[in-house]
């Protein structure tokens, strides 16, 4: 199971990780909240969350 974390200190709450994840790992309750990492069992290790985060807030142990 991949380990994915979002650094709340770096996150701008833009939702880019939510919209770019092809398998829907991330959920964001509203635009003022830091996205939450859901079930990482479905992660396909594509790196879209890491590559597209403008704040470099998404950390993935395999990237």
PDB file of N, CA and C in Angstrom:
ATOM      1  N   UNK A   1       0.848  -1.177   0.000  1.00  0.00           N
ATOM      2  CA  UNK A   1       0.000   0.000   0.000  1.00  0.00           C
ATOM      3  C   UNK A   1       0.896   1.243   0.000  1.00  0.00           C
ATOM      4  N   UNK A   2       0.725   2.125  -0.974  1.00  0.00           N
ATOM      5  CA  UNK A   2       1.526   3.351  -1.033  1.00  0.00           C
ATOM      6  C   UNK A   2       1.217   4.287   0.127  1.00  0.00           C
ATOM      7  N   UNK A   3       2.214   5.036   0.541  1.00  0.00           N
ATOM      8  CA  UNK A   3       2.021   6.031   1.588  1.00  0.00           C
ATOM      9  C   UNK A   3       1.992   7.407   0.927  1.00  0.00           C
ATOM     10  N   UNK A   4       0.855   8.074   1.028  1.00  0.00           N
ATOM     11  CA  UNK A   4       0.669   9.393   0.448  1.00  0.00           C
ATOM     12  C   UNK A   4       0.248  10.337   1.565  1.00  0.00           C
ATOM     13  N   UNK A   5       0.892  11.491   1.638  1.00  0.00           N
ATOM     14  CA  UNK A   5       0.555  12.488   2.651  1.00  0.00           C
ATOM     15  C   UNK A   5       0.463  13.860   2.010  1.00  0.00           C
ATOM     16  N   UNK A   6      -0.349  14.715   2.601  1.00  0.00           N
ATOM     17  CA  UNK A   6      -0.421  16.114   2.202  1.00  0.00           C
ATOM     18  C   UNK A   6       0.066  16.944   3.374  1.00  0.00           C
ATOM     19  N   UNK A   7       1.058  17.774   3.134  1.00  0.00           N
ATOM     20  CA  UNK A   7       1.586  18.655   4.173  1.00  0.00           C
ATOM     21  C   UNK A   7       0.639  19.843   4.309  1.00  0.00           C
ATOM     22  N   UNK A   8      -0.108  19.931   5.412  1.00  0.00           N
ATOM     23  CA  UNK A   8      -1.080  21.015   5.569  1.00  0.00           C
ATOM     24  C   UNK A   8      -0.442  22.400   5.649  1.00  0.00           C
ATOM     25  N   UNK A   9       0.829  22.453   6.008  1.00  0.00           N
ATOM     26  CA  UNK A   9       1.522  23.741   6.068  1.00  0.00           C
ATOM     27  C   UNK A   9       1.821  24.277   4.665  1.00  0.00           C
ATOM     28  N   UNK A  10       2.004  23.385   3.713  1.00  0.00           N
ATOM     29  CA  UNK A  10       2.308  23.791   2.338  1.00  0.00           C
ATOM     30  C   UNK A  10       1.068  23.879   1.453  1.00  0.00           C
ATOM     31  N   UNK A  11       0.057  23.112   1.777  1.00  0.00           N
ATOM     32  CA  UNK A  11      -1.140  23.009   0.944  1.00  0.00           C
ATOM     33  C   UNK A  11      -1.886  24.345   0.860  1.00  0.00           C
ATOM     34  N   UNK A  12      -2.212  24.747  -0.383  1.00  0.00           N
ATOM     35  CA  UNK A  12      -2.976  25.981  -0.599  1.00  0.00           C
ATOM     36  C   UNK A  12      -4.471  25.699  -0.747  1.00  0.00           C
ATOM     37  N   UNK A  13      -4.863  24.434  -0.618  1.00  0.00           N
ATOM     38  CA  UNK A  13      -6.261  23.998  -0.692  1.00  0.00           C
ATOM     39  C   UNK A  13      -6.867  24.219  -2.074  1.00  0.00           C
ATOM     40  N   UNK A  14      -6.032  24.176  -3.102  1.00  0.00           N
ATOM     41  CA  UNK A  14      -6.498  24.440  -4.466  1.00  0.00           C
ATOM     42  C   UNK A  14      -7.302  23.283  -5.059  1.00  0.00           C
ATOM     43  N   UNK A  15      -7.109  22.070  -4.548  1.00  0.00           N
ATOM     44  CA  UNK A  15      -7.840  20.909  -5.042  1.00  0.00           C
ATOM     45  C   UNK A  15      -7.244  20.261  -6.279  1.00  0.00           C
ATOM     46  N   UNK A  16      -6.050  20.677  -6.665  1.00  0.00           N
ATOM     47  CA  UNK A  16      -5.410  20.100  -7.848  1.00  0.00           C
ATOM     48  C   UNK A  16      -5.199  18.600  -7.702  1.00  0.00           C
ATOM     49  N   UNK A  17      -4.830  18.150  -6.528  1.00  0.00           N
ATOM     50  CA  UNK A  17      -4.635  16.707  -6.312  1.00  0.00           C
ATOM     51  C   UNK A  17      -5.951  15.954  -6.484  1.00  0.00           C
ATOM     52  N   UNK A  18      -7.039  16.571  -6.049  1.00  0.00           N
ATOM     53  CA  UNK A  18      -8.358  15.945  -6.157  1.00  0.00           C
ATOM     54  C   UNK A  18      -8.747  15.777  -7.624  1.00  0.00           C
ATOM     55  N   UNK A  19      -8.560  16.821  -8.408  1.00  0.00           N
ATOM     56  CA  UNK A  19      -8.988  16.774  -9.807  1.00  0.00           C
ATOM     57  C   UNK A  19      -8.042  15.983 -10.703  1.00  0.00           C
ATOM     58  N   UNK A  20      -6.786  15.851 -10.329  1.00  0.00           N
ATOM     59  CA  UNK A  20      -5.816  15.159 -11.176  1.00  0.00           C
ATOM     60  C   UNK A  20      -5.641  13.680 -10.863  1.00  0.00           C
ATOM     61  N   UNK A  21      -6.128  13.213  -9.741  1.00  0.00           N
ATOM     62  CA  UNK A  21      -5.974  11.797  -9.398  1.00  0.00           C
ATOM     63  C   UNK A  21      -6.968  10.969 -10.224  1.00  0.00           C
ATOM     64  N   UNK A  22      -6.462  10.089 -11.092  1.00  0.00           N
ATOM     65  CA  UNK A  22      -7.367   9.317 -11.951  1.00  0.00           C
ATOM     66  C   UNK A  22      -8.181   8.247 -11.220  1.00  0.00           C
ATOM     67  N   UNK A  23      -7.801   7.918  -9.990  1.00  0.00           N
ATOM     68  CA  UNK A  23      -8.537   6.887  -9.253  1.00  0.00           C
ATOM     69  C   UNK A  23      -9.249   7.435  -8.017  1.00  0.00           C
ATOM     70  N   UNK A  24      -9.242   8.753  -7.827  1.00  0.00           N
ATOM     71  CA  UNK A  24     -10.031   9.375  -6.764  1.00  0.00           C
ATOM     72  C   UNK A  24      -9.562   9.115  -5.349  1.00  0.00           C
ATOM     73  N   UNK A  25      -8.260   9.097  -5.137  1.00  0.00           N
ATOM     74  CA  UNK A  25      -7.713   8.860  -3.795  1.00  0.00           C
ATOM     75  C   UNK A  25      -8.044  10.009  -2.837  1.00  0.00           C
ATOM     76  N   UNK A  26      -8.090  11.230  -3.375  1.00  0.00           N
ATOM     77  CA  UNK A  26      -8.244  12.422  -2.536  1.00  0.00           C
ATOM     78  C   UNK A  26      -9.690  12.895  -2.482  1.00  0.00           C
ATOM     79  N   UNK A  27     -10.089  13.385  -1.304  1.00  0.00           N
ATOM     80  CA  UNK A  27     -11.403  13.985  -1.122  1.00  0.00           C
ATOM     81  C   UNK A  27     -11.214  15.345  -0.454  1.00  0.00           C
ATOM     82  N   UNK A  28     -12.034  16.306  -0.864  1.00  0.00           N
ATOM     83  CA  UNK A  28     -11.985  17.635  -0.260  1.00  0.00           C
ATOM     84  C   UNK A  28     -13.410  18.053   0.058  1.00  0.00           C
ATOM     85  N   UNK A  29     -13.683  18.292   1.342  1.00  0.00           N
ATOM     86  CA  UNK A  29     -15.036  18.635   1.774  1.00  0.00           C
ATOM     87  C   UNK A  29     -15.512  19.952   1.183  1.00  0.00           C
ATOM     88  N   UNK A  30     -14.644  20.948   1.196  1.00  0.00           N
ATOM     89  CA  UNK A  30     -14.968  22.248   0.627  1.00  0.00           C
ATOM     90  C   UNK A  30     -13.679  22.942   0.225  1.00  0.00           C
ATOM     91  N   UNK A  31     -13.797  24.065  -0.451  1.00  0.00           N
ATOM     92  CA  UNK A  31     -12.607  24.733  -0.987  1.00  0.00           C
ATOM     93  C   UNK A  31     -11.711  25.338   0.085  1.00  0.00           C
ATOM     94  N   UNK A  32     -12.187  25.384   1.317  1.00  0.00           N
ATOM     95  CA  UNK A  32     -11.397  25.934   2.416  1.00  0.00           C
ATOM     96  C   UNK A  32     -10.731  24.861   3.271  1.00  0.00           C
ATOM     97  N   UNK A  33     -10.790  23.613   2.831  1.00  0.00           N
ATOM     98  CA  UNK A  33     -10.197  22.536   3.627  1.00  0.00           C
ATOM     99  C   UNK A  33      -9.067  21.847   2.862  1.00  0.00           C
ATOM    100  N   UNK A  34      -8.109  21.354   3.624  1.00  0.00           N
ATOM    101  CA  UNK A  34      -7.019  20.572   3.045  1.00  0.00           C
ATOM    102  C   UNK A  34      -7.603  19.233   2.596  1.00  0.00           C
ATOM    103  N   UNK A  35      -7.320  18.812   1.373  1.00  0.00           N
ATOM    104  CA  UNK A  35      -7.833  17.511   0.923  1.00  0.00           C
ATOM    105  C   UNK A  35      -7.351  16.376   1.826  1.00  0.00           C
ATOM    106  N   UNK A  36      -8.179  15.372   1.934  1.00  0.00           N
ATOM    107  CA  UNK A  36      -7.861  14.198   2.731  1.00  0.00           C
ATOM    108  C   UNK A  36      -7.434  13.070   1.798  1.00  0.00           C
ATOM    109  N   UNK A  37      -6.512  12.250   2.278  1.00  0.00           N
ATOM    110  CA  UNK A  37      -6.079  11.073   1.530  1.00  0.00           C
ATOM    111  C   UNK A  37      -6.987   9.917   1.922  1.00  0.00           C
ATOM    112  N   UNK A  38      -7.633   9.326   0.938  1.00  0.00           N
ATOM    113  CA  UNK A  38      -8.541   8.218   1.193  1.00  0.00           C
ATOM    114  C   UNK A  38      -7.847   6.872   1.098  1.00  0.00           C
ATOM    115  N   UNK A  39      -8.521   5.921   0.496  1.00  0.00           N
ATOM    116  CA  UNK A  39      -8.040   4.543   0.378  1.00  0.00           C
ATOM    117  C   UNK A  39      -6.919   4.451  -0.652  1.00  0.00           C
ATOM    118  N   UNK A  40      -5.693   4.297  -0.186  1.00  0.00           N
ATOM    119  CA  UNK A  40      -4.547   4.244  -1.096  1.00  0.00           C
ATOM    120  C   UNK A  40      -4.358   2.873  -1.741  1.00  0.00           C
ATOM    121  N   UNK A  41      -5.183   1.900  -1.391  1.00  0.00           N
ATOM    122  CA  UNK A  41      -5.102   0.585  -2.036  1.00  0.00           C
ATOM    123  C   UNK A  41      -5.368   0.687  -3.538  1.00  0.00           C
ATOM    124  N   UNK A  42      -6.110   1.711  -3.948  1.00  0.00           N
ATOM    125  CA  UNK A  42      -6.436   1.887  -5.360  1.00  0.00           C
ATOM    126  C   UNK A  42      -5.399   2.707  -6.117  1.00  0.00           C
ATOM    127  N   UNK A  43      -4.384   3.214  -5.424  1.00  0.00           N
ATOM    128  CA  UNK A  43      -3.357   4.040  -6.055  1.00  0.00           C
ATOM    129  C   UNK A  43      -2.627   3.236  -7.132  1.00  0.00           C
ATOM    130  N   UNK A  44      -2.469   3.849  -8.317  1.00  0.00           N
ATOM    131  CA  UNK A  44      -1.784   3.179  -9.424  1.00  0.00           C
ATOM    132  C   UNK A  44      -0.365   3.719  -9.619  1.00  0.00           C
ATOM    133  N   UNK A  45       0.123   4.494  -8.660  1.00  0.00           N
ATOM    134  CA  UNK A  45       1.492   5.023  -8.668  1.00  0.00           C
ATOM    135  C   UNK A  45       1.809   5.841  -9.920  1.00  0.00           C
ATOM    136  N   UNK A  46       0.825   6.607 -10.396  1.00  0.00           N
ATOM    137  CA  UNK A  46       1.027   7.396 -11.610  1.00  0.00           C
ATOM    138  C   UNK A  46       1.808   8.686 -11.347  1.00  0.00           C
ATOM    139  N   UNK A  47       1.757   9.192 -10.113  1.00  0.00           N
ATOM    140  CA  UNK A  47       2.488  10.401  -9.763  1.00  0.00           C
ATOM    141  C   UNK A  47       1.799  11.698 -10.126  1.00  0.00           C
ATOM    142  N   UNK A  48       0.575  11.634 -10.618  1.00  0.00           N
ATOM    143  CA  UNK A  48      -0.136  12.854 -11.008  1.00  0.00           C
ATOM    144  C   UNK A  48      -0.321  13.810  -9.834  1.00  0.00           C
ATOM    145  N   UNK A  49      -0.550  13.284  -8.651  1.00  0.00           N
ATOM    146  CA  UNK A  49      -0.750  14.134  -7.476  1.00  0.00           C
ATOM    147  C   UNK A  49       0.519  14.902  -7.138  1.00  0.00           C
ATOM    148  N   UNK A  50       1.647  14.224  -7.199  1.00  0.00           N
ATOM    149  CA  UNK A  50       2.937  14.843  -6.887  1.00  0.00           C
ATOM    150  C   UNK A  50       3.330  15.828  -7.981  1.00  0.00           C
ATOM    151  N   UNK A  51       3.213  15.413  -9.226  1.00  0.00           N
ATOM    152  CA  UNK A  51       3.650  16.235 -10.357  1.00  0.00           C
ATOM    153  C   UNK A  51       2.838  17.509 -10.536  1.00  0.00           C
ATOM    154  N   UNK A  52       1.557  17.481 -10.184  1.00  0.00           N
ATOM    155  CA  UNK A  52       0.687  18.624 -10.443  1.00  0.00           C
ATOM    156  C   UNK A  52       0.463  19.554  -9.262  1.00  0.00           C
ATOM    157  N   UNK A  53       0.916  19.187  -8.081  1.00  0.00           N
ATOM    158  CA  UNK A  53       0.714  20.048  -6.913  1.00  0.00           C
ATOM    159  C   UNK A  53       1.591  21.301  -7.044  1.00  0.00           C
ATOM    160  N   UNK A  54       0.980  22.491  -7.136  1.00  0.00           N
ATOM    161  CA  UNK A  54       1.765  23.718  -7.312  1.00  0.00           C
ATOM    162  C   UNK A  54       2.561  24.112  -6.075  1.00  0.00           C
ATOM    163  N   UNK A  55       2.218  23.558  -4.932  1.00  0.00           N
ATOM    164  CA  UNK A  55       2.889  23.911  -3.679  1.00  0.00           C
ATOM    165  C   UNK A  55       3.853  22.827  -3.207  1.00  0.00           C
ATOM    166  N   UNK A  56       3.971  21.735  -3.956  1.00  0.00           N
ATOM    167  CA  UNK A  56       4.804  20.593  -3.571  1.00  0.00           C
ATOM    168  C   UNK A  56       4.396  20.047  -2.197  1.00  0.00           C
ATOM    169  N   UNK A  57       3.089  20.039  -1.950  1.00  0.00           N
ATOM    170  CA  UNK A  57       2.561  19.618  -0.654  1.00  0.00           C
ATOM    171  C   UNK A  57       2.251  18.127  -0.588  1.00  0.00           C
ATOM    172  N   UNK A  58       2.131  17.477  -1.738  1.00  0.00           N
ATOM    173  CA  UNK A  58       1.811  16.052  -1.760  1.00  0.00           C
ATOM    174  C   UNK A  58       3.107  15.257  -1.730  1.00  0.00           C
ATOM    175  N   UNK A  59       3.206  14.394  -0.748  1.00  0.00           N
ATOM    176  CA  UNK A  59       4.388  13.548  -0.587  1.00  0.00           C
ATOM    177  C   UNK A  59       3.983  12.095  -0.800  1.00  0.00           C
ATOM    178  N   UNK A  60       4.758  11.400  -1.601  1.00  0.00           N
ATOM    179  CA  UNK A  60       4.476  10.012  -1.953  1.00  0.00           C
ATOM    180  C   UNK A  60       5.780   9.255  -1.772  1.00  0.00           C
ATOM    181  N   UNK A  61       5.785   8.215  -0.979  1.00  0.00           N
ATOM    182  CA  UNK A  61       7.038   7.517  -0.662  1.00  0.00           C
ATOM    183  C   UNK A  61       7.724   6.921  -1.887  1.00  0.00           C
ATOM    184  N   UNK A  62       6.996   6.696  -2.963  1.00  0.00           N
ATOM    185  CA  UNK A  62       7.579   6.081  -4.152  1.00  0.00           C
ATOM    186  C   UNK A  62       8.027   7.088  -5.208  1.00  0.00           C
ATOM    187  N   UNK A  63       7.885   8.384  -4.929  1.00  0.00           N
ATOM    188  CA  UNK A  63       8.278   9.404  -5.912  1.00  0.00           C
ATOM    189  C   UNK A  63       9.252  10.370  -5.291  1.00  0.00           C
TER     190      UNK A  63
END
